[in-house]
Amino acid sequence: MCKHDIFEKMKDENIFSVSAEIMEKIGFQEQKGCQWITAPLSQPWLHSRSRFAHKGDFGRALLIAGSRGMAGASVLAARACLRGGAGLLTVHAPSCNYGILQTAVPEAMVECDVEEDSVSSLDIKNLEKYTAVAIGPGLGKTDGAKQVLKQLLQFYRRPVVLDADALNLLAENPTYLEFVPPYSILTPHLGEWERLMGKAGDAKERLDVTRQFTAKHQLLVVIKGAYSVTVSPDGSCFFNTTGNPGMATAGCGDVLTGMLLSLLAQSYSPEQAAVLGVYLHGLAGDLALRKQSPESLLSGDLVENIGEAFQTLRGE
């Protein structure tokens, strides 16, 4: 399917439909505030840029990520953040990842932690200069990482993106939930979801539990998978219509984290950032699949197609 065909298919939201069996499997219930994320829903949210804009107009993002052997996660998230349009990006990473990040993502600034192998502390005095923060990809669950997460949640009051080991640490330290800034975005896959919220009998129960969780804590939760669903504090549920099985590969979640961070940094509302980010992430995967197979698709392929995903959604 060519790019033009993809856009023509997206333009009519009524074209998208799935079987009752699939809706049952993913827990979709229209009468309970569920809706599909489509091009007509997402396209009006896209920001335009002034001819006189400068990098400071598009946010200052902070990504806290990486550990020894896991620099790739921070590289993928950082590249996705920059491809998503963030004006400035700083990556806080252990010093062992410094050379890799400076080489793989020269557009990003790197702030080295005092520890060699994992993060252990933050400069809390300078946190407020960032318009958005994400934490988790490749982070590890060391005592230092736990301390960094705690510092971030206690001293940064804007919405943050929590992914991967940040979610695992949150599950192990449930009292931290009290400090998560309102309207932060949590992005668990099913395993991380269960660690946070417990077992669910089926998708409908999982959705009900997530609604209760988001309402109680005033957070947004993106449950990743086929037809990823974004649940808002008011109970709205947005099921994604883009993406493919080739995206079931290492690093795709890191790419999503970077995209969400980028959109938050550019002053999209948390709900817009989550819904639009999930849609563009899946669309980048669909565009990448034109040159790959489901078996060969890599998370880095998504990063290289983020720009075309924006163009496609705009109808360019």
Protein backbone atom coordinates (compact mmCIF):
# COMPACT_ATOMS: atom_id res chain seq x y z
CA MET A 1 0.00 0.00 0.00
CA CYS A 2 1.50 3.35 -1.02
CA LYS A 3 1.55 6.46 1.16
CA HIS A 4 -1.33 8.04 -0.80
CA ASP A 5 -3.47 4.93 -0.34
CA ILE A 6 -2.76 4.91 3.41
CA PHE A 7 -3.95 8.50 3.73
CA GLU A 8 -7.03 7.95 1.56
CA LYS A 9 -8.00 5.03 3.76
CA MET A 10 -7.48 7.11 6.90
CA LYS A 11 -9.57 10.08 5.76
CA ASP A 12 -12.89 8.34 6.25
CA GLU A 13 -13.21 7.24 9.86
CA ASN A 14 -16.16 5.05 8.89
CA ILE A 15 -13.88 2.80 6.84
CA PHE A 16 -12.28 1.48 10.02
CA SER A 17 -14.15 -1.43 11.52
CA VAL A 18 -13.30 -4.65 13.32
CA SER A 19 -15.23 -7.78 14.09
CA ALA A 20 -17.30 -8.22 17.24
CA GLU A 21 -14.83 -10.94 18.23
CA ILE A 22 -11.92 -8.49 18.19
CA MET A 23 -13.91 -5.85 20.08
CA GLU A 24 -14.67 -8.47 22.72
CA LYS A 25 -11.00 -9.48 22.86
CA ILE A 26 -9.74 -5.91 23.41
CA GLY A 27 -12.62 -4.80 25.67
CA PHE A 28 -14.03 -2.14 23.32
CA GLN A 29 -17.46 -0.92 24.54
CA GLU A 30 -18.83 2.10 22.71
CA GLN A 31 -21.53 2.64 25.33
CA LYS A 32 -18.81 3.05 27.98
CA GLY A 33 -16.93 5.94 26.41
CA CYS A 34 -14.72 3.94 24.03
CA GLN A 35 -13.77 5.41 20.66
CA TRP A 36 -11.28 4.73 17.88
CA ILE A 37 -8.24 6.94 17.29
CA THR A 38 -8.59 7.91 13.63
CA ALA A 39 -7.13 10.53 11.30
CA PRO A 40 -10.19 12.81 11.61
CA LEU A 41 -9.79 12.75 15.40
CA SER A 42 -6.01 13.26 15.40
CA GLN A 43 -5.33 15.60 12.50
CA PRO A 44 -6.92 18.77 14.00
CA TRP A 45 -4.64 18.46 17.03
CA LEU A 46 -1.44 18.85 15.01
CA HIS A 47 0.37 22.10 15.69
CA SER A 48 1.64 24.35 12.92
CA ARG A 49 4.93 26.25 13.06
CA SER A 50 5.53 29.94 12.56
CA ARG A 51 8.07 30.94 9.93
CA PHE A 52 9.79 32.89 12.73
CA ALA A 53 9.89 30.04 15.26
CA HIS A 54 13.10 29.03 17.06
CA LYS A 55 14.10 25.91 19.00
CA GLY A 56 13.04 27.44 22.30
CA ASP A 57 9.46 27.50 21.03
CA PHE A 58 9.30 23.71 20.89
CA GLY A 59 10.18 22.74 24.39
CA ARG A 60 13.08 21.61 26.49
CA ALA A 61 12.82 17.87 27.15
CA LEU A 62 14.65 15.71 29.68
CA LEU A 63 15.00 11.96 29.15
CA ILE A 64 16.26 9.87 32.07
CA ALA A 65 17.28 6.53 30.63
CA GLY A 66 19.91 3.88 30.16
CA SER A 67 22.30 1.70 32.14
CA ARG A 68 25.26 -0.50 31.31
CA GLY A 69 24.27 -2.73 28.39
CA MET A 70 21.03 -0.77 27.82
CA ALA A 71 22.23 2.35 26.02
CA GLY A 72 20.17 1.35 23.00
CA ALA A 73 16.94 2.12 24.84
CA SER A 74 18.04 5.68 25.55
CA VAL A 75 19.29 6.13 21.97
CA LEU A 76 15.95 5.02 20.49
CA ALA A 77 13.90 7.19 22.85
CA ALA A 78 16.18 10.19 22.28
CA ARG A 79 16.06 9.90 18.49
CA ALA A 80 12.27 9.53 18.57
CA CYS A 81 11.95 12.59 20.80
CA LEU A 82 13.95 14.71 18.39
CA ARG A 83 12.19 13.34 15.30
CA GLY A 84 8.92 14.14 17.05
CA GLY A 85 9.80 17.82 17.04
CA ALA A 86 11.20 18.70 20.48
CA GLY A 87 13.34 21.83 20.32
CA LEU A 88 15.97 20.78 22.86
CA LEU A 89 16.69 17.41 24.46
CA THR A 90 18.94 16.51 27.37
CA VAL A 91 19.55 12.86 28.22
CA HIS A 92 20.50 12.08 31.82
CA ALA A 93 22.41 8.80 31.66
CA PRO A 94 25.15 6.87 33.46
CA SER A 95 28.62 7.88 32.35
CA CYS A 96 29.23 4.52 30.65
CA ASN A 97 26.64 5.53 28.03
CA TYR A 98 28.13 8.95 27.31
CA GLY A 99 30.18 8.07 24.23
CA ILE A 100 27.39 6.00 22.71
CA LEU A 101 24.80 8.76 23.10
CA GLN A 102 27.05 11.54 21.83
CA THR A 103 27.89 9.45 18.77
CA ALA A 104 24.44 8.00 18.03
CA VAL A 105 22.43 11.14 18.83
CA PRO A 106 24.71 14.16 18.32
CA GLU A 107 21.66 16.48 18.32
CA ALA A 108 21.01 15.70 21.99
CA MET A 109 22.84 17.04 25.03
CA VAL A 110 24.05 14.45 27.52
CA GLU A 111 24.16 14.98 31.28
CA CYS A 112 26.28 12.30 32.92
CA ASP A 113 25.30 10.80 36.24
CA VAL A 114 28.01 10.53 38.86
CA GLU A 115 27.69 6.74 38.70
CA GLU A 116 29.33 4.72 35.96
CA ASP A 117 26.81 1.93 35.37
CA SER A 118 23.39 3.32 36.28
CA VAL A 119 21.68 6.56 37.25
CA SER A 120 21.76 7.51 40.92
CA SER A 121 20.90 11.20 41.40
CA LEU A 122 19.35 14.27 39.77
CA ASP A 123 20.14 17.96 39.87
CA ILE A 124 16.77 18.79 41.41
CA LYS A 125 17.48 22.55 41.39
CA ASN A 126 17.37 22.59 37.59
CA LEU A 127 14.41 20.28 36.99
CA GLU A 128 11.91 23.08 36.50
CA LYS A 129 13.71 24.38 33.40
CA TYR A 130 12.39 21.37 31.50
CA THR A 131 8.94 21.55 29.92
CA ALA A 132 8.60 17.76 29.95
CA VAL A 133 10.41 14.75 31.44
CA ALA A 134 10.33 11.03 30.66
CA ILE A 135 11.96 8.26 32.67
CA GLY A 136 12.32 4.52 32.29
CA PRO A 137 13.84 3.13 29.06
CA GLY A 138 16.77 0.86 29.93
CA LEU A 139 16.87 2.38 33.42
CA GLY A 140 17.32 -0.76 35.53
CA LYS A 141 16.00 -1.23 39.05
CA THR A 142 19.04 -0.37 41.13
CA ASP A 143 18.80 1.55 44.39
CA GLY A 144 20.13 4.55 42.48
CA ALA A 145 17.42 4.31 39.84
CA LYS A 146 14.82 4.05 42.61
CA GLN A 147 16.24 7.20 44.21
CA VAL A 148 16.17 9.10 40.90
CA LEU A 149 12.53 8.17 40.31
CA LYS A 150 11.64 9.31 43.82
CA GLN A 151 13.47 12.62 43.36
CA LEU A 152 11.75 13.27 40.05
CA LEU A 153 8.27 12.58 41.40
CA GLN A 154 8.81 14.68 44.52
CA PHE A 155 10.39 17.73 42.91
CA TYR A 156 8.95 17.97 39.38
CA ARG A 157 5.32 19.04 39.24
CA ARG A 158 4.48 18.93 35.54
CA PRO A 159 3.16 15.75 33.87
CA VAL A 160 5.85 13.15 33.20
CA VAL A 161 6.06 10.02 31.03
CA LEU A 162 6.72 6.81 32.98
CA ASP A 163 7.77 3.69 31.10
CA ALA A 164 9.60 0.39 31.48
CA ASP A 165 11.64 0.14 34.71
CA ALA A 166 10.11 3.35 36.04
CA LEU A 167 6.81 1.45 36.02
CA ASN A 168 8.39 -1.61 37.60
CA LEU A 169 9.87 0.53 40.36
CA LEU A 170 6.49 2.20 40.84
CA ALA A 171 4.87 -1.22 41.21
CA GLU A 172 7.45 -2.21 43.82
CA ASN A 173 7.03 1.08 45.68
CA PRO A 174 3.29 1.86 45.50
CA THR A 175 3.56 4.79 47.93
CA TYR A 176 5.34 6.66 45.10
CA LEU A 177 1.98 6.89 43.32
CA GLU A 178 1.02 9.66 45.73
CA PHE A 179 3.74 11.84 44.23
CA VAL A 180 3.16 11.22 40.51
CA PRO A 181 2.16 14.61 39.01
CA PRO A 182 -1.47 14.75 37.81
CA TYR A 183 -2.04 13.92 34.15
CA SER A 184 1.24 12.08 33.83
CA ILE A 185 1.31 9.34 31.18
CA LEU A 186 2.06 5.73 32.12
CA THR A 187 2.78 3.33 29.25
CA PRO A 188 2.68 -0.29 30.48
CA HIS A 189 2.64 -3.39 28.35
CA LEU A 190 0.50 -6.18 29.76
CA GLY A 191 3.20 -7.54 32.07
CA GLU A 192 3.91 -4.10 33.53
CA TRP A 193 0.18 -3.46 33.82
CA GLU A 194 -0.28 -6.59 35.94
CA ARG A 195 2.59 -5.59 38.23
CA LEU A 196 0.93 -2.22 38.76
CA MET A 197 -2.72 -3.22 38.99
CA GLY A 198 -2.92 -7.00 39.46
CA LYS A 199 -4.41 -9.77 37.36
CA ALA A 200 -7.54 -9.23 35.28
CA GLY A 201 -9.92 -11.92 34.09
CA ASP A 202 -10.36 -10.41 30.64
CA ALA A 203 -9.89 -7.20 28.64
CA LYS A 204 -13.12 -5.63 29.89
CA GLU A 205 -12.10 -6.14 33.49
CA ARG A 206 -8.63 -4.77 32.67
CA LEU A 207 -10.26 -1.66 31.23
CA ASP A 208 -12.54 -1.22 34.24
CA VAL A 209 -9.59 -1.54 36.63
CA THR A 210 -7.61 0.96 34.58
CA ARG A 211 -10.49 3.44 34.62
CA GLN A 212 -10.65 3.20 38.40
CA PHE A 213 -6.86 3.67 38.61
CA THR A 214 -6.76 6.71 36.31
CA ALA A 215 -9.70 8.34 38.10
CA LYS A 216 -8.21 7.75 41.56
CA HIS A 217 -4.74 9.04 40.69
CA GLN A 218 -5.68 11.52 37.92
CA LEU A 219 -3.31 9.90 35.44
CA LEU A 220 -3.39 8.70 31.84
CA VAL A 221 -2.54 5.08 31.09
CA VAL A 222 -1.59 3.70 27.67
CA ILE A 223 -1.98 -0.08 27.64
CA LYS A 224 0.34 -1.15 24.83
CA GLY A 225 -0.45 -3.98 22.42
CA ALA A 226 -2.66 -4.61 19.41
CA TYR A 227 -5.18 -1.73 19.36
CA SER A 228 -3.33 0.05 22.20
CA VAL A 229 -5.79 1.87 24.42
CA THR A 230 -5.30 5.23 26.14
CA VAL A 231 -7.43 5.69 29.26
CA SER A 232 -7.99 9.22 30.59
CA PRO A 233 -8.90 10.28 34.15
CA ASP A 234 -12.48 11.00 33.05
CA GLY A 235 -12.88 7.40 31.90
CA SER A 236 -12.57 8.05 28.15
CA CYS A 237 -10.89 5.22 26.28
CA PHE A 238 -9.14 5.75 22.94
CA PHE A 239 -8.36 2.58 20.97
CA ASN A 240 -5.66 2.89 18.33
CA THR A 241 -6.22 1.96 14.69
CA THR A 242 -2.61 2.04 13.46
CA GLY A 243 0.24 -0.41 13.97
CA ASN A 244 1.04 -3.98 12.97
CA PRO A 245 2.51 -7.24 14.35
CA GLY A 246 5.98 -6.29 13.10
CA MET A 247 6.09 -3.80 15.96
CA ALA A 248 6.21 -6.65 18.47
CA THR A 249 9.97 -6.21 18.71
CA ALA A 250 12.49 -4.82 21.17
CA GLY A 251 12.67 -1.05 21.44
CA CYS A 252 9.28 -0.03 20.04
CA GLY A 253 8.12 1.01 23.50
CA ASP A 254 11.23 3.18 23.87
CA VAL A 255 10.34 4.91 20.60
CA LEU A 256 6.83 5.60 21.90
CA THR A 257 8.24 7.08 25.11
CA GLY A 258 10.41 9.45 23.10
CA MET A 259 7.47 10.54 20.96
CA LEU A 260 5.24 11.18 23.97
CA LEU A 261 8.00 13.17 25.64
CA SER A 262 8.42 15.24 22.49
CA LEU A 263 4.73 16.09 22.20
CA LEU A 264 4.45 17.00 25.89
CA ALA A 265 7.51 19.25 25.55
CA GLN A 266 5.80 21.02 22.63
CA SER A 267 2.82 21.92 24.84
CA TYR A 268 0.32 19.38 23.59
CA SER A 269 -2.09 18.56 26.40
CA PRO A 270 -1.33 15.23 28.10
CA GLU A 271 -4.39 13.60 26.53
CA GLN A 272 -3.53 14.93 23.07
CA ALA A 273 0.10 13.87 23.50
CA ALA A 274 -0.91 10.34 24.50
CA VAL A 275 -3.57 9.80 21.84
CA LEU A 276 -1.69 11.52 19.01
CA GLY A 277 1.62 9.93 20.01
CA VAL A 278 0.17 6.43 19.98
CA TYR A 279 -1.46 7.04 16.59
CA LEU A 280 1.69 8.48 14.97
CA HIS A 281 3.81 5.71 16.51
CA GLY A 282 1.62 3.02 14.91
CA LEU A 283 1.46 4.95 11.64
CA ALA A 284 5.26 5.14 11.53
CA GLY A 285 5.29 1.37 11.96
CA ASP A 286 2.79 0.94 9.13
CA LEU A 287 4.85 3.17 6.83
CA ALA A 288 8.04 1.32 7.76
CA LEU A 289 6.39 -1.99 6.90
CA ARG A 290 6.23 -0.97 3.23
CA LYS A 291 9.96 -1.67 2.99
CA GLN A 292 10.14 -4.47 5.55
CA SER A 293 8.30 -7.62 6.58
CA PRO A 294 6.71 -8.23 9.99
CA GLU A 295 9.72 -10.44 10.76
CA SER A 296 12.37 -7.89 9.75
CA LEU A 297 10.89 -4.68 11.16
CA LEU A 298 13.13 -2.97 13.73
CA SER A 299 12.24 -0.27 16.21
CA GLY A 300 14.78 2.00 14.54
CA ASP A 301 12.71 1.75 11.35
CA LEU A 302 9.87 3.50 13.20
CA VAL A 303 12.14 6.42 14.09
CA GLU A 304 13.09 6.86 10.46
CA ASN A 305 9.41 7.05 9.49
CA ILE A 306 8.17 9.50 12.13
CA GLY A 307 8.54 12.45 9.76
CA GLU A 308 6.55 10.70 7.06
CA ALA A 309 3.91 9.79 9.63
CA PHE A 310 3.41 13.50 10.37
CA GLN A 311 3.24 14.24 6.65
CA THR A 312 0.78 11.43 6.03
CA LEU A 313 -1.53 12.54 8.84
CA ARG A 314 -1.47 16.06 7.42
CA GLY A 315 -2.28 14.70 3.95
CA GLU A 316 0.96 15.99 2.47
